[in-house]
Amino acid sequence: MMLLEIGQALWGETTRIADAIALAPTPSPQPTINTNGVLDFFIQKIVPILLAVLGVIFIGRASKGEVSRVLTSSAIAIIGLAFVAGAASLFFFGDSLVKLIFGTN
């Protein structure tokens, strides 16, 4: 008799748990970020402004006769742009490189 009561109690609990799982709200889809749009924004809006600011700084220094500083700053800016281009290429081709190195599909 006691075994029957334990079985009924367990059965009641499992059906309530199953009902709770069935009535649980389904997770809503996560919003996606338009990475292409973000990159296009940076390429079209931010990069030209930064290059214009660098150009104004370089022209201002060159007009003061600080040509060596301008050359040094220009070299640093070109190296920085190379690093940015390398990072962008890893962003676009990183998945292919990981698949190539680790041999995953």
PDB file of N, CA and C in Angstrom:
ATOM      1  N   MET A   1       0.820  -1.193   0.000  1.00  0.00           N
ATOM      2  CA  MET A   1       0.000   0.000   0.000  1.00  0.00           C
ATOM      3  C   MET A   1       0.865   1.259   0.000  1.00  0.00           C
ATOM      4  N   MET A   2       1.906   1.261   0.841  1.00  0.00           N
ATOM      5  CA  MET A   2       2.778   2.421   0.904  1.00  0.00           C
ATOM      6  C   MET A   2       3.549   2.597  -0.407  1.00  0.00           C
ATOM      7  N   LEU A   3       3.955   1.522  -1.024  1.00  0.00           N
ATOM      8  CA  LEU A   3       4.661   1.582  -2.293  1.00  0.00           C
ATOM      9  C   LEU A   3       3.777   2.200  -3.371  1.00  0.00           C
ATOM     10  N   LEU A   4       2.485   1.892  -3.346  1.00  0.00           N
ATOM     11  CA  LEU A   4       1.534   2.452  -4.303  1.00  0.00           C
ATOM     12  C   LEU A   4       1.416   3.956  -4.122  1.00  0.00           C
ATOM     13  N   GLU A   5       1.386   4.433  -2.888  1.00  0.00           N
ATOM     14  CA  GLU A   5       1.279   5.855  -2.617  1.00  0.00           C
ATOM     15  C   GLU A   5       2.534   6.597  -3.071  1.00  0.00           C
ATOM     16  N   ILE A   6       3.694   6.007  -2.853  1.00  0.00           N
ATOM     17  CA  ILE A   6       4.945   6.627  -3.308  1.00  0.00           C
ATOM     18  C   ILE A   6       4.959   6.718  -4.834  1.00  0.00           C
ATOM     19  N   GLY A   7       4.519   5.644  -5.499  1.00  0.00           N
ATOM     20  CA  GLY A   7       4.456   5.649  -6.964  1.00  0.00           C
ATOM     21  C   GLY A   7       3.507   6.707  -7.484  1.00  0.00           C
ATOM     22  N   GLN A   8       2.328   6.847  -6.823  1.00  0.00           N
ATOM     23  CA  GLN A   8       1.380   7.869  -7.264  1.00  0.00           C
ATOM     24  C   GLN A   8       1.928   9.277  -7.041  1.00  0.00           C
ATOM     25  N   ALA A   9       2.627   9.476  -5.930  1.00  0.00           N
ATOM     26  CA  ALA A   9       3.203  10.784  -5.647  1.00  0.00           C
ATOM     27  C   ALA A   9       4.274  11.138  -6.690  1.00  0.00           C
ATOM     28  N   LEU A  10       5.113  10.163  -7.002  1.00  0.00           N
ATOM     29  CA  LEU A  10       6.137  10.405  -8.015  1.00  0.00           C
ATOM     30  C   LEU A  10       5.526  10.665  -9.381  1.00  0.00           C
ATOM     31  N   TRP A  11       4.482   9.912  -9.717  1.00  0.00           N
ATOM     32  CA  TRP A  11       3.831  10.102 -11.005  1.00  0.00           C
ATOM     33  C   TRP A  11       3.203  11.496 -11.096  1.00  0.00           C
ATOM     34  N   GLY A  12       2.594  11.939 -10.022  1.00  0.00           N
ATOM     35  CA  GLY A  12       1.992  13.277 -10.011  1.00  0.00           C
ATOM     36  C   GLY A  12       3.032  14.360 -10.184  1.00  0.00           C
ATOM     37  N   GLU A  13       4.191  14.198  -9.513  1.00  0.00           N
ATOM     38  CA  GLU A  13       5.261  15.188  -9.630  1.00  0.00           C
ATOM     39  C   GLU A  13       5.849  15.204 -11.043  1.00  0.00           C
ATOM     40  N   THR A  14       6.061  14.040 -11.640  1.00  0.00           N
ATOM     41  CA  THR A  14       6.655  14.013 -12.978  1.00  0.00           C
ATOM     42  C   THR A  14       5.710  14.606 -14.015  1.00  0.00           C
ATOM     43  N   THR A  15       4.401  14.398 -13.845  1.00  0.00           N
ATOM     44  CA  THR A  15       3.473  15.006 -14.809  1.00  0.00           C
ATOM     45  C   THR A  15       3.433  16.513 -14.634  1.00  0.00           C
ATOM     46  N   ARG A  16       3.542  17.013 -13.399  1.00  0.00           N
ATOM     47  CA  ARG A  16       3.570  18.457 -13.190  1.00  0.00           C
ATOM     48  C   ARG A  16       4.849  19.066 -13.772  1.00  0.00           C
ATOM     49  N   ILE A  17       5.958  18.373 -13.624  1.00  0.00           N
ATOM     50  CA  ILE A  17       7.211  18.863 -14.193  1.00  0.00           C
ATOM     51  C   ILE A  17       7.129  18.867 -15.714  1.00  0.00           C
ATOM     52  N   ALA A  18       6.568  17.810 -16.284  1.00  0.00           N
ATOM     53  CA  ALA A  18       6.417  17.742 -17.742  1.00  0.00           C
ATOM     54  C   ALA A  18       5.501  18.850 -18.235  1.00  0.00           C
ATOM     55  N   ASP A  19       4.409  19.117 -17.503  1.00  0.00           N
ATOM     56  CA  ASP A  19       3.509  20.210 -17.885  1.00  0.00           C
ATOM     57  C   ASP A  19       4.212  21.560 -17.801  1.00  0.00           C
ATOM     58  N   ALA A  20       5.035  21.741 -16.772  1.00  0.00           N
ATOM     59  CA  ALA A  20       5.749  23.001 -16.619  1.00  0.00           C
ATOM     60  C   ALA A  20       6.747  23.189 -17.757  1.00  0.00           C
ATOM     61  N   ILE A  21       7.397  22.111 -18.156  1.00  0.00           N
ATOM     62  CA  ILE A  21       8.350  22.206 -19.270  1.00  0.00           C
ATOM     63  C   ILE A  21       7.616  22.513 -20.566  1.00  0.00           C
ATOM     64  N   ALA A  22       6.462  21.890 -20.758  1.00  0.00           N
ATOM     65  CA  ALA A  22       5.695  22.112 -21.984  1.00  0.00           C
ATOM     66  C   ALA A  22       5.157  23.533 -22.050  1.00  0.00           C
ATOM     67  N   LEU A  23       4.835  24.128 -20.910  1.00  0.00           N
ATOM     68  CA  LEU A  23       4.284  25.479 -20.890  1.00  0.00           C
ATOM     69  C   LEU A  23       5.361  26.553 -20.772  1.00  0.00           C
ATOM     70  N   ALA A  24       6.605  26.152 -20.644  1.00  0.00           N
ATOM     71  CA  ALA A  24       7.693  27.122 -20.519  1.00  0.00           C
ATOM     72  C   ALA A  24       7.770  27.952 -21.797  1.00  0.00           C
ATOM     73  N   PRO A  25       7.987  29.234 -21.640  1.00  0.00           N
ATOM     74  CA  PRO A  25       8.065  30.079 -22.836  1.00  0.00           C
ATOM     75  C   PRO A  25       9.285  29.717 -23.667  1.00  0.00           C
ATOM     76  N   THR A  26       9.093  29.748 -24.951  1.00  0.00           N
ATOM     77  CA  THR A  26      10.211  29.470 -25.849  1.00  0.00           C
ATOM     78  C   THR A  26      11.094  30.706 -25.909  1.00  0.00           C
ATOM     79  N   PRO A  27      12.379  30.519 -25.933  1.00  0.00           N
ATOM     80  CA  PRO A  27      13.263  31.693 -25.977  1.00  0.00           C
ATOM     81  C   PRO A  27      13.096  32.438 -27.296  1.00  0.00           C
ATOM     82  N   SER A  28      13.085  33.751 -27.189  1.00  0.00           N
ATOM     83  CA  SER A  28      12.947  34.561 -28.395  1.00  0.00           C
ATOM     84  C   SER A  28      14.286  34.580 -29.133  1.00  0.00           C
ATOM     85  N   PRO A  29      14.250  34.707 -30.435  1.00  0.00           N
ATOM     86  CA  PRO A  29      15.514  34.741 -31.185  1.00  0.00           C
ATOM     87  C   PRO A  29      16.321  35.980 -30.813  1.00  0.00           C
ATOM     88  N   GLN A  30      17.617  35.788 -30.713  1.00  0.00           N
ATOM     89  CA  GLN A  30      18.507  36.887 -30.348  1.00  0.00           C
ATOM     90  C   GLN A  30      18.646  37.843 -31.534  1.00  0.00           C
ATOM     91  N   PRO A  31      18.685  39.130 -31.248  1.00  0.00           N
ATOM     92  CA  PRO A  31      18.886  40.073 -32.351  1.00  0.00           C
ATOM     93  C   PRO A  31      20.286  39.905 -32.941  1.00  0.00           C
ATOM     94  N   THR A  32      20.365  40.058 -34.228  1.00  0.00           N
ATOM     95  CA  THR A  32      21.655  39.920 -34.903  1.00  0.00           C
ATOM     96  C   THR A  32      22.236  41.304 -35.174  1.00  0.00           C
ATOM     97  N   ILE A  33      23.536  41.365 -35.203  1.00  0.00           N
ATOM     98  CA  ILE A  33      24.231  42.621 -35.488  1.00  0.00           C
ATOM     99  C   ILE A  33      24.645  42.608 -36.952  1.00  0.00           C
ATOM    100  N   ASN A  34      24.315  43.657 -37.634  1.00  0.00           N
ATOM    101  CA  ASN A  34      24.683  43.790 -39.040  1.00  0.00           C
ATOM    102  C   ASN A  34      26.146  44.220 -39.119  1.00  0.00           C
ATOM    103  N   THR A  35      27.049  43.240 -39.094  1.00  0.00           N
ATOM    104  CA  THR A  35      28.480  43.561 -39.088  1.00  0.00           C
ATOM    105  C   THR A  35      28.912  44.206 -40.396  1.00  0.00           C
ATOM    106  N   ASN A  36      28.305  43.825 -41.493  1.00  0.00           N
ATOM    107  CA  ASN A  36      28.656  44.457 -42.777  1.00  0.00           C
ATOM    108  C   ASN A  36      28.289  45.931 -42.767  1.00  0.00           C
ATOM    109  N   GLY A  37      27.146  46.250 -42.177  1.00  0.00           N
ATOM    110  CA  GLY A  37      26.738  47.648 -42.081  1.00  0.00           C
ATOM    111  C   GLY A  37      27.662  48.453 -41.188  1.00  0.00           C
ATOM    112  N   VAL A  38      28.091  47.846 -40.080  1.00  0.00           N
ATOM    113  CA  VAL A  38      29.019  48.527 -39.175  1.00  0.00           C
ATOM    114  C   VAL A  38      30.348  48.785 -39.873  1.00  0.00           C
ATOM    115  N   LEU A  39      30.867  47.773 -40.572  1.00  0.00           N
ATOM    116  CA  LEU A  39      32.132  47.950 -41.294  1.00  0.00           C
ATOM    117  C   LEU A  39      32.010  48.996 -42.398  1.00  0.00           C
ATOM    118  N   ASP A  40      30.894  48.960 -43.120  1.00  0.00           N
ATOM    119  CA  ASP A  40      30.696  49.959 -44.174  1.00  0.00           C
ATOM    120  C   ASP A  40      30.654  51.368 -43.583  1.00  0.00           C
ATOM    121  N   PHE A  41      30.009  51.512 -42.412  1.00  0.00           N
ATOM    122  CA  PHE A  41      29.942  52.814 -41.755  1.00  0.00           C
ATOM    123  C   PHE A  41      31.337  53.307 -41.408  1.00  0.00           C
ATOM    124  N   PHE A  42      32.149  52.433 -40.801  1.00  0.00           N
ATOM    125  CA  PHE A  42      33.507  52.843 -40.440  1.00  0.00           C
ATOM    126  C   PHE A  42      34.331  53.179 -41.667  1.00  0.00           C
ATOM    127  N   ILE A  43      34.204  52.369 -42.712  1.00  0.00           N
ATOM    128  CA  ILE A  43      35.005  52.600 -43.914  1.00  0.00           C
ATOM    129  C   ILE A  43      34.584  53.889 -44.612  1.00  0.00           C
ATOM    130  N   GLN A  44      33.295  54.160 -44.654  1.00  0.00           N
ATOM    131  CA  GLN A  44      32.812  55.315 -45.413  1.00  0.00           C
ATOM    132  C   GLN A  44      32.824  56.609 -44.615  1.00  0.00           C
ATOM    133  N   LYS A  45      32.669  56.535 -43.284  1.00  0.00           N
ATOM    134  CA  LYS A  45      32.532  57.764 -42.501  1.00  0.00           C
ATOM    135  C   LYS A  45      33.734  58.058 -41.611  1.00  0.00           C
ATOM    136  N   ILE A  46      34.203  57.077 -40.866  1.00  0.00           N
ATOM    137  CA  ILE A  46      35.214  57.322 -39.845  1.00  0.00           C
ATOM    138  C   ILE A  46      36.620  57.410 -40.435  1.00  0.00           C
ATOM    139  N   VAL A  47      36.977  56.466 -41.286  1.00  0.00           N
ATOM    140  CA  VAL A  47      38.336  56.420 -41.830  1.00  0.00           C
ATOM    141  C   VAL A  47      38.679  57.686 -42.616  1.00  0.00           C
ATOM    142  N   PRO A  48      37.816  58.204 -43.490  1.00  0.00           N
ATOM    143  CA  PRO A  48      38.176  59.454 -44.189  1.00  0.00           C
ATOM    144  C   PRO A  48      38.383  60.633 -43.241  1.00  0.00           C
ATOM    145  N   ILE A  49      37.601  60.700 -42.172  1.00  0.00           N
ATOM    146  CA  ILE A  49      37.771  61.793 -41.208  1.00  0.00           C
ATOM    147  C   ILE A  49      39.124  61.671 -40.509  1.00  0.00           C
ATOM    148  N   LEU A  50      39.481  60.458 -40.098  1.00  0.00           N
ATOM    149  CA  LEU A  50      40.775  60.254 -39.447  1.00  0.00           C
ATOM    150  C   LEU A  50      41.937  60.583 -40.384  1.00  0.00           C
ATOM    151  N   LEU A  51      41.819  60.171 -41.633  1.00  0.00           N
ATOM    152  CA  LEU A  51      42.876  60.487 -42.595  1.00  0.00           C
ATOM    153  C   LEU A  51      42.968  61.989 -42.848  1.00  0.00           C
ATOM    154  N   ALA A  52      41.845  62.674 -42.874  1.00  0.00           N
ATOM    155  CA  ALA A  52      41.856  64.125 -43.064  1.00  0.00           C
ATOM    156  C   ALA A  52      42.519  64.813 -41.878  1.00  0.00           C
ATOM    157  N   VAL A  53      42.221  64.341 -40.667  1.00  0.00           N
ATOM    158  CA  VAL A  53      42.850  64.928 -39.476  1.00  0.00           C
ATOM    159  C   VAL A  53      44.360  64.710 -39.518  1.00  0.00           C
ATOM    160  N   LEU A  54      44.784  63.496 -39.871  1.00  0.00           N
ATOM    161  CA  LEU A  54      46.223  63.235 -39.993  1.00  0.00           C
ATOM    162  C   LEU A  54      46.861  64.139 -41.051  1.00  0.00           C
ATOM    163  N   GLY A  55      46.192  64.311 -42.163  1.00  0.00           N
ATOM    164  CA  GLY A  55      46.717  65.183 -43.216  1.00  0.00           C
ATOM    165  C   GLY A  55      46.873  66.618 -42.752  1.00  0.00           C
ATOM    166  N   VAL A  56      45.883  67.131 -42.020  1.00  0.00           N
ATOM    167  CA  VAL A  56      45.966  68.510 -41.514  1.00  0.00           C
ATOM    168  C   VAL A  56      47.129  68.643 -40.535  1.00  0.00           C
ATOM    169  N   ILE A  57      47.301  67.639 -39.671  1.00  0.00           N
ATOM    170  CA  ILE A  57      48.415  67.673 -38.719  1.00  0.00           C
ATOM    171  C   ILE A  57      49.747  67.654 -39.454  1.00  0.00           C
ATOM    172  N   PHE A  58      49.865  66.784 -40.444  1.00  0.00           N
ATOM    173  CA  PHE A  58      51.117  66.686 -41.195  1.00  0.00           C
ATOM    174  C   PHE A  58      51.423  67.977 -41.940  1.00  0.00           C
ATOM    175  N   ILE A  59      50.431  68.556 -42.565  1.00  0.00           N
ATOM    176  CA  ILE A  59      50.645  69.812 -43.306  1.00  0.00           C
ATOM    177  C   ILE A  59      51.016  70.940 -42.351  1.00  0.00           C
ATOM    178  N   GLY A  60      50.371  70.959 -41.185  1.00  0.00           N
ATOM    179  CA  GLY A  60      50.702  71.990 -40.190  1.00  0.00           C
ATOM    180  C   GLY A  60      52.125  71.869 -39.705  1.00  0.00           C
ATOM    181  N   ARG A  61      52.565  70.659 -39.445  1.00  0.00           N
ATOM    182  CA  ARG A  61      53.951  70.468 -38.986  1.00  0.00           C
ATOM    183  C   ARG A  61      54.948  70.769 -40.109  1.00  0.00           C
ATOM    184  N   ALA A  62      54.626  70.372 -41.317  1.00  0.00           N
ATOM    185  CA  ALA A  62      55.552  70.606 -42.432  1.00  0.00           C
ATOM    186  C   ALA A  62      55.697  72.096 -42.701  1.00  0.00           C
ATOM    187  N   SER A  63      54.633  72.871 -42.513  1.00  0.00           N
ATOM    188  CA  SER A  63      54.728  74.312 -42.755  1.00  0.00           C
ATOM    189  C   SER A  63      55.580  75.005 -41.690  1.00  0.00           C
ATOM    190  N   LYS A  64      55.725  74.364 -40.524  1.00  0.00           N
ATOM    191  CA  LYS A  64      56.573  74.923 -39.471  1.00  0.00           C
ATOM    192  C   LYS A  64      58.036  74.508 -39.643  1.00  0.00           C
ATOM    193  N   GLY A  65      58.312  73.699 -40.632  1.00  0.00           N
ATOM    194  CA  GLY A  65      59.670  73.266 -40.877  1.00  0.00           C
ATOM    195  C   GLY A  65      60.054  71.993 -40.139  1.00  0.00           C
ATOM    196  N   GLU A  66      59.098  71.296 -39.580  1.00  0.00           N
ATOM    197  CA  GLU A  66      59.373  70.060 -38.837  1.00  0.00           C
ATOM    198  C   GLU A  66      59.205  68.853 -39.756  1.00  0.00           C
ATOM    199  N   VAL A  67      59.978  68.823 -40.819  1.00  0.00           N
ATOM    200  CA  VAL A  67      59.832  67.785 -41.827  1.00  0.00           C
ATOM    201  C   VAL A  67      60.195  66.414 -41.260  1.00  0.00           C
ATOM    202  N   SER A  68      61.209  66.350 -40.418  1.00  0.00           N
ATOM    203  CA  SER A  68      61.593  65.052 -39.852  1.00  0.00           C
ATOM    204  C   SER A  68      60.479  64.475 -38.988  1.00  0.00           C
ATOM    205  N   ARG A  69      59.807  65.344 -38.230  1.00  0.00           N
ATOM    206  CA  ARG A  69      58.669  64.868 -37.431  1.00  0.00           C
ATOM    207  C   ARG A  69      57.526  64.402 -38.335  1.00  0.00           C
ATOM    208  N   VAL A  70      57.324  65.102 -39.414  1.00  0.00           N
ATOM    209  CA  VAL A  70      56.264  64.714 -40.354  1.00  0.00           C
ATOM    210  C   VAL A  70      56.568  63.347 -40.956  1.00  0.00           C
ATOM    211  N   LEU A  71      57.832  63.131 -41.335  1.00  0.00           N
ATOM    212  CA  LEU A  71      58.200  61.834 -41.905  1.00  0.00           C
ATOM    213  C   LEU A  71      58.039  60.716 -40.879  1.00  0.00           C
ATOM    214  N   THR A  72      58.448  60.982 -39.647  1.00  0.00           N
ATOM    215  CA  THR A  72      58.292  59.978 -38.592  1.00  0.00           C
ATOM    216  C   THR A  72      56.822  59.683 -38.344  1.00  0.00           C
ATOM    217  N   SER A  73      56.028  60.728 -38.219  1.00  0.00           N
ATOM    218  CA  SER A  73      54.585  60.546 -37.985  1.00  0.00           C
ATOM    219  C   SER A  73      53.927  59.840 -39.158  1.00  0.00           C
ATOM    220  N   SER A  74      54.351  60.172 -40.362  1.00  0.00           N
ATOM    221  CA  SER A  74      53.784  59.513 -41.540  1.00  0.00           C
ATOM    222  C   SER A  74      54.109  58.026 -41.546  1.00  0.00           C
ATOM    223  N   ALA A  75      55.356  57.698 -41.205  1.00  0.00           N
ATOM    224  CA  ALA A  75      55.735  56.281 -41.150  1.00  0.00           C
ATOM    225  C   ALA A  75      54.930  55.546 -40.088  1.00  0.00           C
ATOM    226  N   ILE A  76      54.747  56.170 -38.920  1.00  0.00           N
ATOM    227  CA  ILE A  76      53.948  55.546 -37.857  1.00  0.00           C
ATOM    228  C   ILE A  76      52.506  55.367 -38.312  1.00  0.00           C
ATOM    229  N   ALA A  77      51.950  56.381 -38.991  1.00  0.00           N
ATOM    230  CA  ALA A  77      50.561  56.288 -39.464  1.00  0.00           C
ATOM    231  C   ALA A  77      50.420  55.186 -40.510  1.00  0.00           C
ATOM    232  N   ILE A  78      51.400  55.058 -41.395  1.00  0.00           N
ATOM    233  CA  ILE A  78      51.331  54.012 -42.423  1.00  0.00           C
ATOM    234  C   ILE A  78      51.428  52.633 -41.784  1.00  0.00           C
ATOM    235  N   ILE A  79      52.290  52.475 -40.785  1.00  0.00           N
ATOM    236  CA  ILE A  79      52.386  51.192 -40.081  1.00  0.00           C
ATOM    237  C   ILE A  79      51.080  50.897 -39.353  1.00  0.00           C
ATOM    238  N   GLY A  80      50.498  51.917 -38.748  1.00  0.00           N
ATOM    239  CA  GLY A  80      49.206  51.728 -38.080  1.00  0.00           C
ATOM    240  C   GLY A  80      48.110  51.300 -39.043  1.00  0.00           C
ATOM    241  N   LEU A  81      48.095  51.930 -40.217  1.00  0.00           N
ATOM    242  CA  LEU A  81      47.111  51.539 -41.227  1.00  0.00           C
ATOM    243  C   LEU A  81      47.343  50.110 -41.701  1.00  0.00           C
ATOM    244  N   ALA A  82      48.598  49.689 -41.765  1.00  0.00           N
ATOM    245  CA  ALA A  82      48.890  48.301 -42.140  1.00  0.00           C
ATOM    246  C   ALA A  82      48.352  47.337 -41.092  1.00  0.00           C
ATOM    247  N   PHE A  83      48.493  47.701 -39.813  1.00  0.00           N
ATOM    248  CA  PHE A  83      47.934  46.855 -38.755  1.00  0.00           C
ATOM    249  C   PHE A  83      46.415  46.801 -38.837  1.00  0.00           C
ATOM    250  N   VAL A  84      45.788  47.925 -39.107  1.00  0.00           N
ATOM    251  CA  VAL A  84      44.323  47.948 -39.241  1.00  0.00           C
ATOM    252  C   VAL A  84      43.887  47.089 -40.424  1.00  0.00           C
ATOM    253  N   ALA A  85      44.617  47.192 -41.540  1.00  0.00           N
ATOM    254  CA  ALA A  85      44.283  46.375 -42.705  1.00  0.00           C
ATOM    255  C   ALA A  85      44.480  44.893 -42.405  1.00  0.00           C
ATOM    256  N   GLY A  86      45.532  44.564 -41.649  1.00  0.00           N
ATOM    257  CA  GLY A  86      45.743  43.170 -41.255  1.00  0.00           C
ATOM    258  C   GLY A  86      44.627  42.659 -40.373  1.00  0.00           C
ATOM    259  N   ALA A  87      44.172  43.488 -39.449  1.00  0.00           N
ATOM    260  CA  ALA A  87      43.065  43.087 -38.583  1.00  0.00           C
ATOM    261  C   ALA A  87      41.782  42.902 -39.392  1.00  0.00           C
ATOM    262  N   ALA A  88      41.554  43.787 -40.348  1.00  0.00           N
ATOM    263  CA  ALA A  88      40.363  43.655 -41.195  1.00  0.00           C
ATOM    264  C   ALA A  88      40.427  42.387 -42.036  1.00  0.00           C
ATOM    265  N   SER A  89      41.611  42.071 -42.544  1.00  0.00           N
ATOM    266  CA  SER A  89      41.728  40.843 -43.343  1.00  0.00           C
ATOM    267  C   SER A  89      41.514  39.610 -42.475  1.00  0.00           C
ATOM    268  N   LEU A  90      41.980  39.642 -41.218  1.00  0.00           N
ATOM    269  CA  LEU A  90      41.702  38.519 -40.311  1.00  0.00           C
ATOM    270  C   LEU A  90      40.211  38.415 -40.015  1.00  0.00           C
ATOM    271  N   PHE A  91      39.547  39.565 -39.936  1.00  0.00           N
ATOM    272  CA  PHE A  91      38.103  39.552 -39.700  1.00  0.00           C
ATOM    273  C   PHE A  91      37.379  38.848 -40.847  1.00  0.00           C
ATOM    274  N   PHE A  92      37.810  39.132 -42.071  1.00  0.00           N
ATOM    275  CA  PHE A  92      37.140  38.537 -43.224  1.00  0.00           C
ATOM    276  C   PHE A  92      37.604  37.106 -43.506  1.00  0.00           C
ATOM    277  N   PHE A  93      38.894  36.830 -43.326  1.00  0.00           N
ATOM    278  CA  PHE A  93      39.444  35.538 -43.701  1.00  0.00           C
ATOM    279  C   PHE A  93      39.823  34.669 -42.511  1.00  0.00           C
ATOM    280  N   GLY A  94      39.527  35.108 -41.294  1.00  0.00           N
ATOM    281  CA  GLY A  94      39.897  34.359 -40.097  1.00  0.00           C
ATOM    282  C   GLY A  94      39.270  32.989 -40.037  1.00  0.00           C
ATOM    283  N   ASP A  95      38.003  32.893 -40.413  1.00  0.00           N
ATOM    284  CA  ASP A  95      37.313  31.603 -40.399  1.00  0.00           C
ATOM    285  C   ASP A  95      37.995  30.620 -41.347  1.00  0.00           C
ATOM    286  N   SER A  96      38.374  31.089 -42.513  1.00  0.00           N
ATOM    287  CA  SER A  96      39.065  30.225 -43.477  1.00  0.00           C
ATOM    288  C   SER A  96      40.425  29.784 -42.953  1.00  0.00           C
ATOM    289  N   LEU A  97      41.136  30.693 -42.278  1.00  0.00           N
ATOM    290  CA  LEU A  97      42.444  30.345 -41.731  1.00  0.00           C
ATOM    291  C   LEU A  97      42.333  29.299 -40.617  1.00  0.00           C
ATOM    292  N   VAL A  98      41.323  29.464 -39.751  1.00  0.00           N
ATOM    293  CA  VAL A  98      41.130  28.483 -38.674  1.00  0.00           C
ATOM    294  C   VAL A  98      40.803  27.122 -39.259  1.00  0.00           C
ATOM    295  N   LYS A  99      39.942  27.087 -40.270  1.00  0.00           N
ATOM    296  CA  LYS A  99      39.607  25.808 -40.907  1.00  0.00           C
ATOM    297  C   LYS A  99      40.826  25.195 -41.582  1.00  0.00           C
ATOM    298  N   LEU A 100      41.665  26.032 -42.176  1.00  0.00           N
ATOM    299  CA  LEU A 100      42.865  25.537 -42.831  1.00  0.00           C
ATOM    300  C   LEU A 100      43.859  24.966 -41.811  1.00  0.00           C
ATOM    301  N   ILE A 101      44.050  25.671 -40.696  1.00  0.00           N
ATOM    302  CA  ILE A 101      45.028  25.241 -39.713  1.00  0.00           C
ATOM    303  C   ILE A 101      44.562  24.011 -38.948  1.00  0.00           C
ATOM    304  N   PHE A 102      43.318  24.020 -38.501  1.00  0.00           N
ATOM    305  CA  PHE A 102      42.822  22.925 -37.659  1.00  0.00           C
ATOM    306  C   PHE A 102      42.125  21.842 -38.438  1.00  0.00           C
ATOM    307  N   GLY A 103      41.908  22.020 -39.715  1.00  0.00           N
ATOM    308  CA  GLY A 103      41.353  20.988 -40.563  1.00  0.00           C
ATOM    309  C   GLY A 103      39.899  20.647 -40.278  1.00  0.00           C
ATOM    310  N   THR A 104      39.131  21.627 -39.785  1.00  0.00           N
ATOM    311  CA  THR A 104      37.711  21.393 -39.541  1.00  0.00           C
ATOM    312  C   THR A 104      36.904  21.815 -40.755  1.00  0.00           C
ATOM    313  N   ASN A 105      35.708  21.302 -40.847  1.00  0.00           N
ATOM    314  CA  ASN A 105      34.841  21.659 -41.983  1.00  0.00           C
ATOM    315  C   ASN A 105      33.953  22.802 -41.636  1.00  0.00           C
TER     316      ASN A 105
END
